[in-house]
């Protein structure tokens, strides 16, 4: 039992599904603004057929920091996690259980910019009661896998802000966590995400200077959100 830990776009279940299922319209259509919404109805239908098998568990993992620092071909930056092994560093995300070996391989092909990192005896904390998952003992996980960057955090720099569509899709994923586990879980998860995700500082021109997403949202006048039941 080795789950994948998704900390960026994989937080969105329909993004996960699109790695091994053909979804229409395409993701390029989403980013080019050719769709009515950034979570495609076709992807939602395919997720609904698999949600009993593929289990999402919102959690925190220690020893990593997360940055909007990977430049995107679609503009702006995407997330990358940097392994620090410092117990004071942590990020939140989702443990994904129930994937087949073929599905994992196909997901891995879509994450080629990253290292596929194994973490033995991970230090995990959960947003939900572990006892609610009858099919998995999530308190006894010997290894997780995630797509990360092996660079030192001191070497991370970014001169572009987050890609807005990419970020919105992650927020949609957090909203779907709310549908699974309730608005209180999603709201806590969202606040933790913003507080532990770093991006180029909106009040600086130094590419090596970062604010948290929460700090940049405050600078830009974004007051945050509340997930509805």
Protein backbone atom coordinates (compact mmCIF):
# COMPACT_ATOMS: atom_id res chain seq x y z
CA UNK A 1 0.00 0.00 0.00
CA UNK A 2 1.98 2.96 -1.33
CA UNK A 3 -0.28 5.94 -2.04
CA UNK A 4 0.59 8.96 -4.14
CA UNK A 5 0.66 12.27 -2.28
CA UNK A 6 -0.79 15.01 -4.48
CA UNK A 7 -0.03 18.57 -3.38
CA UNK A 8 -0.91 20.61 -6.49
CA UNK A 9 -3.10 19.86 -9.48
CA UNK A 10 -3.60 16.27 -8.28
CA UNK A 11 -5.69 17.70 -5.43
CA UNK A 12 -8.37 18.06 -8.09
CA UNK A 13 -9.83 14.56 -8.70
CA UNK A 14 -10.81 15.36 -12.29
CA UNK A 15 -7.21 16.36 -13.03
CA UNK A 16 -6.08 12.99 -11.71
CA UNK A 17 -8.65 11.19 -13.89
CA UNK A 18 -7.56 13.04 -17.02
CA UNK A 19 -4.06 11.56 -16.69
CA UNK A 20 -5.34 8.13 -17.71
CA UNK A 21 -8.72 8.84 -19.34
CA UNK A 22 -9.51 10.83 -22.48
CA UNK A 23 -11.50 13.89 -21.44
CA UNK A 24 -13.25 16.36 -23.73
CA UNK A 25 -12.85 19.22 -24.16
CA UNK A 26 -9.08 19.10 -23.75
CA UNK A 27 -7.04 20.69 -20.98
CA UNK A 28 -5.65 23.14 -23.54
CA UNK A 29 -9.21 24.29 -24.14
CA UNK A 30 -9.57 24.94 -20.41
CA UNK A 31 -6.40 27.03 -20.24
CA UNK A 32 -7.27 28.91 -23.43
CA UNK A 33 -10.65 29.87 -22.02
CA UNK A 34 -12.66 27.85 -24.52
CA UNK A 35 -14.78 26.12 -21.84
CA UNK A 36 -17.57 27.38 -19.62
CA UNK A 37 -15.77 26.14 -16.51
CA UNK A 38 -12.34 24.87 -15.56
CA UNK A 39 -13.67 21.58 -14.20
CA UNK A 40 -14.99 19.73 -17.22
CA UNK A 41 -18.33 17.90 -17.02
CA UNK A 42 -16.90 14.91 -18.87
CA UNK A 43 -14.11 14.61 -16.31
CA UNK A 44 -16.64 14.81 -13.45
CA UNK A 45 -18.64 11.97 -15.00
CA UNK A 46 -15.54 9.79 -15.23
CA UNK A 47 -14.53 10.64 -11.66
CA UNK A 48 -17.99 9.69 -10.35
CA UNK A 49 -17.58 6.21 -11.86
CA UNK A 50 -14.32 5.68 -9.97
CA UNK A 51 -14.73 7.51 -6.68
CA UNK A 52 -15.69 4.33 -4.81
CA UNK A 53 -12.38 2.76 -5.83
CA UNK A 54 -10.06 5.78 -5.78
CA UNK A 55 -9.96 7.21 -2.27
CA UNK A 56 -8.78 10.73 -1.44
CA UNK A 57 -7.48 11.37 2.09
CA UNK A 58 -6.59 15.00 2.94
CA UNK A 59 -3.38 15.10 4.94
CA UNK A 60 -0.17 16.94 5.81
CA UNK A 61 3.35 15.65 5.24
CA UNK A 62 6.45 17.01 6.95
CA UNK A 63 9.85 17.61 5.40
CA UNK A 64 8.75 19.60 2.34
CA UNK A 65 8.19 23.20 1.22
CA UNK A 66 5.99 24.16 -1.72
CA UNK A 67 6.63 26.96 -4.24
CA UNK A 68 4.99 28.48 -7.27
CA UNK A 69 8.30 28.37 -9.09
CA UNK A 70 8.00 25.94 -12.01
CA UNK A 71 7.53 28.04 -15.14
CA UNK A 72 4.52 26.96 -17.19
CA UNK A 73 4.25 26.90 -20.98
CA UNK A 74 0.77 28.31 -20.44
CA UNK A 75 2.07 31.37 -18.58
CA UNK A 76 2.96 32.05 -14.97
CA UNK A 77 4.18 29.33 -12.66
CA UNK A 78 3.02 25.98 -11.33
CA UNK A 79 3.79 24.32 -8.03
CA UNK A 80 6.77 22.24 -7.08
CA UNK A 81 7.57 20.70 -3.73
CA UNK A 82 11.14 20.82 -2.45
CA UNK A 83 12.29 18.14 -0.04
CA UNK A 84 14.01 19.67 2.98
CA UNK A 85 13.70 16.84 5.54
CA UNK A 86 13.16 19.60 8.11
CA UNK A 87 10.31 18.54 10.44
CA UNK A 88 9.30 22.19 10.79
CA UNK A 89 8.50 22.31 7.05
CA UNK A 90 5.24 20.79 5.89
CA UNK A 91 2.74 20.91 3.06
CA UNK A 92 -0.80 19.65 2.73
CA UNK A 93 -2.32 17.56 0.00
CA UNK A 94 -4.17 14.33 -0.62
CA UNK A 95 -3.14 10.73 -0.24
CA UNK A 96 -4.56 8.87 -3.23
CA UNK A 97 -5.37 5.19 -2.70
CA UNK A 98 -6.83 2.59 -5.04
CA UNK A 99 -4.97 3.40 -8.24
CA UNK A 100 -3.89 0.53 -10.46
CA UNK A 101 -0.24 0.08 -11.41
CA UNK A 102 -1.09 1.15 -14.96
CA UNK A 103 -2.84 4.30 -13.76
CA UNK A 104 0.15 5.21 -11.59
CA UNK A 105 2.46 4.73 -14.55
CA UNK A 106 0.32 6.99 -16.73
CA UNK A 107 0.17 9.66 -14.03
CA UNK A 108 3.94 9.48 -13.74
CA UNK A 109 4.29 10.13 -17.48
CA UNK A 110 2.36 13.39 -17.11
CA UNK A 111 4.64 14.62 -14.31
CA UNK A 112 7.94 14.43 -16.20
CA UNK A 113 9.33 17.78 -14.92
CA UNK A 114 9.51 16.33 -11.41
CA UNK A 115 11.41 13.61 -9.59
CA UNK A 116 9.19 10.72 -8.51
CA UNK A 117 10.25 10.70 -4.88
CA UNK A 118 9.68 8.00 -2.29
CA UNK A 119 9.37 8.94 1.36
CA UNK A 120 9.91 6.11 3.81
CA UNK A 121 8.08 6.23 7.14
CA UNK A 122 6.47 9.58 6.31
CA UNK A 123 5.34 11.87 9.12
CA UNK A 124 1.68 12.40 8.30
CA UNK A 125 -1.22 14.21 9.94
CA UNK A 126 -4.83 13.89 8.85
CA UNK A 127 -7.72 16.30 8.44
CA UNK A 128 -10.25 13.52 9.01
CA UNK A 129 -10.59 10.62 11.44
CA UNK A 130 -8.42 7.74 10.18
CA UNK A 131 -10.96 5.23 11.47
CA UNK A 132 -13.47 6.22 8.79
CA UNK A 133 -11.45 4.42 6.09
CA UNK A 134 -12.33 0.77 6.55
CA UNK A 135 -10.48 -0.45 3.48
CA UNK A 136 -7.15 1.21 4.39
CA UNK A 137 -5.17 1.50 7.61
CA UNK A 138 -3.89 5.00 6.97
CA UNK A 139 -2.09 5.07 10.33
CA UNK A 140 0.31 2.38 9.07
CA UNK A 141 1.82 3.77 5.87
CA UNK A 142 5.45 2.78 5.33
CA UNK A 143 5.99 4.83 2.18
CA UNK A 144 4.35 7.50 0.03
CA UNK A 145 5.35 8.68 -3.42
CA UNK A 146 5.15 12.23 -4.72
CA UNK A 147 6.39 14.38 -7.56
CA UNK A 148 8.97 16.76 -6.11
CA UNK A 149 12.13 18.72 -6.83
CA UNK A 150 15.47 17.67 -5.43
CA UNK A 151 16.91 21.22 -5.54
CA UNK A 152 17.82 23.02 -2.34
CA UNK A 153 15.14 25.49 -1.28
CA UNK A 154 17.80 28.22 -1.19
CA UNK A 155 18.18 27.80 -4.97
CA UNK A 156 14.50 28.33 -5.72
CA UNK A 157 13.59 31.54 -7.53
CA UNK A 158 10.56 32.77 -9.45
CA UNK A 159 9.99 35.99 -11.35
CA UNK A 160 6.42 35.16 -12.40
CA UNK A 161 3.28 34.78 -10.28
CA UNK A 162 1.09 31.69 -10.15
CA UNK A 163 -0.84 30.66 -13.26
CA UNK A 164 -4.36 31.78 -12.40
CA UNK A 165 -6.20 28.92 -14.10
CA UNK A 166 -3.90 26.33 -12.52
CA UNK A 167 -4.46 27.87 -9.09
CA UNK A 168 -8.23 28.04 -9.61
CA UNK A 169 -8.30 24.35 -10.49
CA UNK A 170 -6.51 23.52 -7.24
CA UNK A 171 -9.11 25.59 -5.37
CA UNK A 172 -11.81 23.60 -7.17
CA UNK A 173 -10.12 20.45 -5.92
CA UNK A 174 -10.23 21.77 -2.35
CA UNK A 175 -13.93 22.50 -2.84
CA UNK A 176 -14.41 18.88 -3.89
CA UNK A 177 -12.68 17.85 -0.65
CA UNK A 178 -15.42 19.88 1.02
CA UNK A 179 -18.02 17.81 -0.82
CA UNK A 180 -16.36 14.63 0.44
CA UNK A 181 -15.61 15.61 4.03
CA UNK A 182 -17.49 18.82 4.84
CA UNK A 183 -16.90 22.54 4.60
CA UNK A 184 -14.91 22.79 7.85
CA UNK A 185 -12.28 20.37 6.52
CA UNK A 186 -12.07 22.19 3.19
CA UNK A 187 -11.80 25.62 4.81
CA UNK A 188 -9.01 24.46 7.12
CA UNK A 189 -7.26 22.78 4.20
CA UNK A 190 -7.51 25.92 2.05
CA UNK A 191 -6.11 28.16 4.78
CA UNK A 192 -3.23 25.76 5.38
CA UNK A 193 -2.57 25.60 1.64
CA UNK A 194 -2.32 29.39 1.39
CA UNK A 195 -0.16 29.64 4.51
CA UNK A 196 2.35 26.99 3.40
CA UNK A 197 2.63 27.80 -0.31
CA UNK A 198 5.24 30.33 -1.43
CA UNK A 199 5.33 32.44 -4.58
CA UNK A 200 7.15 35.47 -5.91
CA UNK A 201 6.52 38.39 -3.56
CA UNK A 202 4.04 40.88 -5.02
CA UNK A 203 5.75 43.68 -3.10
CA UNK A 204 9.29 42.92 -4.35
CA UNK A 205 11.17 42.65 -7.64
CA UNK A 206 13.67 40.15 -6.23
CA UNK A 207 13.03 36.75 -7.84
CA UNK A 208 14.48 34.99 -4.81
CA UNK A 209 12.11 36.71 -2.37
CA UNK A 210 8.87 34.90 -1.60
CA UNK A 211 5.61 35.59 0.15
CA UNK A 212 3.05 33.00 1.09
CA UNK A 213 -0.04 32.86 -1.09
CA UNK A 214 -1.97 34.16 1.93
CA UNK A 215 0.32 37.20 2.15
CA UNK A 216 0.05 37.90 -1.57
CA UNK A 217 -3.73 37.50 -1.46
CA UNK A 218 -3.84 40.12 1.29
CA UNK A 219 -1.67 42.47 -0.78
CA UNK A 220 -3.94 42.01 -3.81
CA UNK A 221 -7.13 42.45 -1.81
CA UNK A 222 -8.30 38.85 -2.02
CA UNK A 223 -10.21 38.26 1.23
CA UNK A 224 -10.26 34.47 0.89
CA UNK A 225 -13.25 32.16 0.80
CA UNK A 226 -15.63 29.97 2.73
CA UNK A 227 -16.77 26.62 1.39
CA UNK A 228 -20.50 25.99 1.47
CA UNK A 229 -21.96 22.66 2.54
